[in-house]
Structure formats: structure tokens, C-alpha cells
Amino acid sequence: MVIDNAPIHRKIVIKKIVEDGNHQVIFLPKYSHDLKDIKNNFSVLKRAKCMLIQIQP
């Protein structure tokens, strides 16, 4: 499971729950310049989806 570094996600209980389900915890880096463009693309996709929903009857 890939999760961010939010304080709640760093709790040992969260790691234990994930590992008990036979999954591995992988934390994202605190800031990734490479992911900045992806965030902008999701914004564009979200806006396009909202416009499509408004067009459909």
C-alpha cells in the first residue's frame, strides 16, 4: 500500500493493519517534484468530468 506521510498514516497501528492483511507499506516522499505535474493533470481531468456530467441529461 502506498500512502503519504500524513501523521495518522505514520502510526504503528496503521502499519500493523496493513501488514496483517499481507500488504507492504510504502511511504511517499515528503515532496516529490515529479508528481507535481500529475496533480495538475488530475485537476484538468476532474474539471472535464464535471463538464461532461453537466452536459448529459
PDB file of N, CA and C in Angstrom:
ATOM      1  N   MET A   1       0.844  -1.149   0.000  1.00  0.00           N
ATOM      2  CA  MET A   1       0.000   0.000   0.000  1.00  0.00           C
ATOM      3  C   MET A   1       0.898   1.222   0.000  1.00  0.00           C
ATOM      4  N   VAL A   2       0.643   2.139  -0.903  1.00  0.00           N
ATOM      5  CA  VAL A   2       1.403   3.383  -0.973  1.00  0.00           C
ATOM      6  C   VAL A   2       0.572   4.472  -0.312  1.00  0.00           C
ATOM      7  N   ILE A   3       1.142   5.111   0.701  1.00  0.00           N
ATOM      8  CA  ILE A   3       0.434   6.177   1.410  1.00  0.00           C
ATOM      9  C   ILE A   3       1.365   7.359   1.628  1.00  0.00           C
ATOM     10  N   ASP A   4       0.758   8.503   1.881  1.00  0.00           N
ATOM     11  CA  ASP A   4       1.567   9.697   2.102  1.00  0.00           C
ATOM     12  C   ASP A   4       2.085   9.731   3.536  1.00  0.00           C
ATOM     13  N   ASN A   5       2.740  10.811   3.866  1.00  0.00           N
ATOM     14  CA  ASN A   5       3.375  10.927   5.176  1.00  0.00           C
ATOM     15  C   ASN A   5       2.518  11.682   6.190  1.00  0.00           C
ATOM     16  N   ALA A   6       1.209  11.672   6.007  1.00  0.00           N
ATOM     17  CA  ALA A   6       0.339  12.316   6.989  1.00  0.00           C
ATOM     18  C   ALA A   6       0.586  11.672   8.355  1.00  0.00           C
ATOM     19  N   PRO A   7       0.543  12.468   9.418  1.00  0.00           N
ATOM     20  CA  PRO A   7       0.830  11.923  10.751  1.00  0.00           C
ATOM     21  C   PRO A   7       0.001  10.688  11.101  1.00  0.00           C
ATOM     22  N   ILE A   8      -1.260  10.650  10.704  1.00  0.00           N
ATOM     23  CA  ILE A   8      -2.107   9.498  11.031  1.00  0.00           C
ATOM     24  C   ILE A   8      -1.601   8.233  10.339  1.00  0.00           C
ATOM     25  N   HIS A   9      -1.035   8.378   9.151  1.00  0.00           N
ATOM     26  CA  HIS A   9      -0.542   7.222   8.407  1.00  0.00           C
ATOM     27  C   HIS A   9       0.762   6.679   8.980  1.00  0.00           C
ATOM     28  N   ARG A  10       1.466   7.489   9.759  1.00  0.00           N
ATOM     29  CA  ARG A  10       2.737   7.066  10.338  1.00  0.00           C
ATOM     30  C   ARG A  10       2.543   6.284  11.635  1.00  0.00           C
ATOM     31  N   LYS A  11       1.313   6.184  12.096  1.00  0.00           N
ATOM     32  CA  LYS A  11       1.035   5.462  13.341  1.00  0.00           C
ATOM     33  C   LYS A  11       1.344   3.980  13.164  1.00  0.00           C
ATOM     34  N   ILE A  12       1.881   3.376  14.194  1.00  0.00           N
ATOM     35  CA  ILE A  12       2.234   1.957  14.158  1.00  0.00           C
ATOM     36  C   ILE A  12       1.002   1.095  13.913  1.00  0.00           C
ATOM     37  N   VAL A  13      -0.149   1.501  14.456  1.00  0.00           N
ATOM     38  CA  VAL A  13      -1.369   0.702  14.292  1.00  0.00           C
ATOM     39  C   VAL A  13      -1.768   0.614  12.814  1.00  0.00           C
ATOM     40  N   ILE A  14      -1.583   1.683  12.054  1.00  0.00           N
ATOM     41  CA  ILE A  14      -1.908   1.661  10.624  1.00  0.00           C
ATOM     42  C   ILE A  14      -0.986   0.677   9.904  1.00  0.00           C
ATOM     43  N   LYS A  15       0.306   0.748  10.209  1.00  0.00           N
ATOM     44  CA  LYS A  15       1.265  -0.167   9.592  1.00  0.00           C
ATOM     45  C   LYS A  15       0.911  -1.616   9.930  1.00  0.00           C
ATOM     46  N   LYS A  16       0.517  -1.861  11.162  1.00  0.00           N
ATOM     47  CA  LYS A  16       0.168  -3.220  11.592  1.00  0.00           C
ATOM     48  C   LYS A  16      -1.068  -3.732  10.846  1.00  0.00           C
ATOM     49  N   ILE A  17      -2.082  -2.884  10.707  1.00  0.00           N
ATOM     50  CA  ILE A  17      -3.305  -3.282   9.992  1.00  0.00           C
ATOM     51  C   ILE A  17      -2.974  -3.665   8.550  1.00  0.00           C
ATOM     52  N   VAL A  18      -2.169  -2.845   7.901  1.00  0.00           N
ATOM     53  CA  VAL A  18      -1.811  -3.116   6.504  1.00  0.00           C
ATOM     54  C   VAL A  18      -1.003  -4.402   6.397  1.00  0.00           C
ATOM     55  N   GLU A  19      -0.019  -4.552   7.277  1.00  0.00           N
ATOM     56  CA  GLU A  19       0.831  -5.743   7.222  1.00  0.00           C
ATOM     57  C   GLU A  19       0.069  -7.005   7.622  1.00  0.00           C
ATOM     58  N   ASP A  20      -0.906  -6.887   8.512  1.00  0.00           N
ATOM     59  CA  ASP A  20      -1.733  -8.043   8.872  1.00  0.00           C
ATOM     60  C   ASP A  20      -2.552  -8.539   7.678  1.00  0.00           C
ATOM     61  N   GLY A  21      -2.824  -7.657   6.746  1.00  0.00           N
ATOM     62  CA  GLY A  21      -3.530  -8.032   5.519  1.00  0.00           C
ATOM     63  C   GLY A  21      -2.581  -8.521   4.437  1.00  0.00           C
ATOM     64  N   ASN A  22      -1.356  -8.852   4.837  1.00  0.00           N
ATOM     65  CA  ASN A  22      -0.324  -9.334   3.907  1.00  0.00           C
ATOM     66  C   ASN A  22       0.024  -8.319   2.825  1.00  0.00           C
ATOM     67  N   HIS A  23       0.054  -7.047   3.209  1.00  0.00           N
ATOM     68  CA  HIS A  23       0.460  -5.979   2.301  1.00  0.00           C
ATOM     69  C   HIS A  23       1.694  -5.300   2.868  1.00  0.00           C
ATOM     70  N   GLN A  24       2.380  -4.581   2.029  1.00  0.00           N
ATOM     71  CA  GLN A  24       3.568  -3.849   2.451  1.00  0.00           C
ATOM     72  C   GLN A  24       3.260  -2.359   2.429  1.00  0.00           C
ATOM     73  N   VAL A  25       3.753  -1.636   3.412  1.00  0.00           N
ATOM     74  CA  VAL A  25       3.565  -0.193   3.473  1.00  0.00           C
ATOM     75  C   VAL A  25       4.735   0.481   2.768  1.00  0.00           C
ATOM     76  N   ILE A  26       4.431   1.343   1.813  1.00  0.00           N
ATOM     77  CA  ILE A  26       5.447   2.148   1.145  1.00  0.00           C
ATOM     78  C   ILE A  26       5.014   3.599   1.281  1.00  0.00           C
ATOM     79  N   PHE A  27       5.848   4.400   1.931  1.00  0.00           N
ATOM     80  CA  PHE A  27       5.524   5.805   2.136  1.00  0.00           C
ATOM     81  C   PHE A  27       6.057   6.643   0.979  1.00  0.00           C
ATOM     82  N   LEU A  28       5.223   7.561   0.520  1.00  0.00           N
ATOM     83  CA  LEU A  28       5.660   8.502  -0.499  1.00  0.00           C
ATOM     84  C   LEU A  28       6.687   9.449   0.108  1.00  0.00           C
ATOM     85  N   PRO A  29       7.552  10.011  -0.721  1.00  0.00           N
ATOM     86  CA  PRO A  29       8.478  11.017  -0.187  1.00  0.00           C
ATOM     87  C   PRO A  29       7.685  12.234   0.287  1.00  0.00           C
ATOM     88  N   LYS A  30       8.278  13.002   1.195  1.00  0.00           N
ATOM     89  CA  LYS A  30       7.569  14.165   1.741  1.00  0.00           C
ATOM     90  C   LYS A  30       7.127  15.115   0.640  1.00  0.00           C
ATOM     91  N   TYR A  31       7.942  15.312  -0.366  1.00  0.00           N
ATOM     92  CA  TYR A  31       7.573  16.143  -1.505  1.00  0.00           C
ATOM     93  C   TYR A  31       8.242  15.563  -2.732  1.00  0.00           C
ATOM     94  N   SER A  32       7.504  15.393  -3.769  1.00  0.00           N
ATOM     95  CA  SER A  32       8.069  14.869  -5.000  1.00  0.00           C
ATOM     96  C   SER A  32       7.774  15.840  -6.135  1.00  0.00           C
ATOM     97  N   HIS A  33       8.813  16.491  -6.602  1.00  0.00           N
ATOM     98  CA  HIS A  33       8.655  17.443  -7.696  1.00  0.00           C
ATOM     99  C   HIS A  33       8.095  16.748  -8.941  1.00  0.00           C
ATOM    100  N   ASP A  34       8.439  15.483  -9.123  1.00  0.00           N
ATOM    101  CA  ASP A  34       7.966  14.737 -10.291  1.00  0.00           C
ATOM    102  C   ASP A  34       6.456  14.543 -10.281  1.00  0.00           C
ATOM    103  N   LEU A  35       5.841  14.513  -9.107  1.00  0.00           N
ATOM    104  CA  LEU A  35       4.397  14.294  -9.020  1.00  0.00           C
ATOM    105  C   LEU A  35       3.591  15.577  -9.174  1.00  0.00           C
ATOM    106  N   LYS A  36       4.253  16.712  -9.197  1.00  0.00           N
ATOM    107  CA  LYS A  36       3.553  17.991  -9.318  1.00  0.00           C
ATOM    108  C   LYS A  36       2.714  18.032 -10.599  1.00  0.00           C
ATOM    109  N   ASP A  37       3.276  17.589 -11.715  1.00  0.00           N
ATOM    110  CA  ASP A  37       2.547  17.598 -12.987  1.00  0.00           C
ATOM    111  C   ASP A  37       1.344  16.667 -12.955  1.00  0.00           C
ATOM    112  N   ILE A  38       1.473  15.545 -12.282  1.00  0.00           N
ATOM    113  CA  ILE A  38       0.361  14.602 -12.169  1.00  0.00           C
ATOM    114  C   ILE A  38      -0.803  15.260 -11.438  1.00  0.00           C
ATOM    115  N   LYS A  39      -0.502  15.992 -10.379  1.00  0.00           N
ATOM    116  CA  LYS A  39      -1.548  16.675  -9.620  1.00  0.00           C
ATOM    117  C   LYS A  39      -2.300  17.649 -10.519  1.00  0.00           C
ATOM    118  N   ASN A  40      -1.576  18.375 -11.359  1.00  0.00           N
ATOM    119  CA  ASN A  40      -2.221  19.315 -12.278  1.00  0.00           C
ATOM    120  C   ASN A  40      -3.085  18.580 -13.293  1.00  0.00           C
ATOM    121  N   ASN A  41      -2.630  17.416 -13.760  1.00  0.00           N
ATOM    122  CA  ASN A  41      -3.419  16.644 -14.721  1.00  0.00           C
ATOM    123  C   ASN A  41      -4.722  16.149 -14.105  1.00  0.00           C
ATOM    124  N   PHE A  42      -4.690  15.739 -12.847  1.00  0.00           N
ATOM    125  CA  PHE A  42      -5.918  15.305 -12.189  1.00  0.00           C
ATOM    126  C   PHE A  42      -6.913  16.457 -12.098  1.00  0.00           C
ATOM    127  N   SER A  43      -6.410  17.659 -11.897  1.00  0.00           N
ATOM    128  CA  SER A  43      -7.284  18.828 -11.840  1.00  0.00           C
ATOM    129  C   SER A  43      -7.996  19.022 -13.179  1.00  0.00           C
ATOM    130  N   VAL A  44      -7.266  18.879 -14.262  1.00  0.00           N
ATOM    131  CA  VAL A  44      -7.848  19.024 -15.600  1.00  0.00           C
ATOM    132  C   VAL A  44      -8.878  17.925 -15.848  1.00  0.00           C
ATOM    133  N   LEU A  45      -8.557  16.695 -15.491  1.00  0.00           N
ATOM    134  CA  LEU A  45      -9.497  15.583 -15.675  1.00  0.00           C
ATOM    135  C   LEU A  45     -10.765  15.770 -14.845  1.00  0.00           C
ATOM    136  N   LYS A  46     -10.603  16.235 -13.627  1.00  0.00           N
ATOM    137  CA  LYS A  46     -11.758  16.456 -12.755  1.00  0.00           C
ATOM    138  C   LYS A  46     -12.680  17.521 -13.350  1.00  0.00           C
ATOM    139  N   ARG A  47     -12.089  18.589 -13.863  1.00  0.00           N
ATOM    140  CA  ARG A  47     -12.876  19.661 -14.468  1.00  0.00           C
ATOM    141  C   ARG A  47     -13.620  19.141 -15.699  1.00  0.00           C
ATOM    142  N   ALA A  48     -12.945  18.344 -16.531  1.00  0.00           N
ATOM    143  CA  ALA A  48     -13.574  17.789 -17.735  1.00  0.00           C
ATOM    144  C   ALA A  48     -14.731  16.865 -17.360  1.00  0.00           C
ATOM    145  N   LYS A  49     -14.539  16.060 -16.334  1.00  0.00           N
ATOM    146  CA  LYS A  49     -15.601  15.151 -15.881  1.00  0.00           C
ATOM    147  C   LYS A  49     -16.818  15.946 -15.418  1.00  0.00           C
ATOM    148  N   CYS A  50     -16.588  17.004 -14.666  1.00  0.00           N
ATOM    149  CA  CYS A  50     -17.703  17.833 -14.185  1.00  0.00           C
ATOM    150  C   CYS A  50     -18.464  18.448 -15.351  1.00  0.00           C
ATOM    151  N   MET A  51     -17.741  18.883 -16.387  1.00  0.00           N
ATOM    152  CA  MET A  51     -18.408  19.473 -17.546  1.00  0.00           C
ATOM    153  C   MET A  51     -19.231  18.422 -18.277  1.00  0.00           C
ATOM    154  N   LEU A  52     -18.730  17.188 -18.386  1.00  0.00           N
ATOM    155  CA  LEU A  52     -19.480  16.120 -19.045  1.00  0.00           C
ATOM    156  C   LEU A  52     -20.754  15.784 -18.284  1.00  0.00           C
ATOM    157  N   ILE A  53     -20.667  15.757 -16.983  1.00  0.00           N
ATOM    158  CA  ILE A  53     -21.839  15.450 -16.162  1.00  0.00           C
ATOM    159  C   ILE A  53     -22.912  16.515 -16.354  1.00  0.00           C
ATOM    160  N   GLN A  54     -22.503  17.776 -16.477  1.00  0.00           N
ATOM    161  CA  GLN A  54     -23.464  18.867 -16.657  1.00  0.00           C
ATOM    162  C   GLN A  54     -24.127  18.814 -18.025  1.00  0.00           C
ATOM    163  N   ILE A  55     -23.417  18.303 -19.034  1.00  0.00           N
ATOM    164  CA  ILE A  55     -23.952  18.251 -20.396  1.00  0.00           C
ATOM    165  C   ILE A  55     -24.977  17.136 -20.545  1.00  0.00           C
ATOM    166  N   GLN A  56     -24.751  16.006 -19.914  1.00  0.00           N
ATOM    167  CA  GLN A  56     -25.645  14.859 -20.056  1.00  0.00           C
ATOM    168  C   GLN A  56     -26.987  15.140 -19.390  1.00  0.00           C
ATOM    169  N   PRO A  57     -28.091  14.686 -20.046  1.00  0.00           N
ATOM    170  CA  PRO A  57     -29.434  14.929 -19.468  1.00  0.00           C
ATOM    171  C   PRO A  57     -29.684  14.130 -18.207  1.00  0.00           C
TER     172      PRO A  57
END
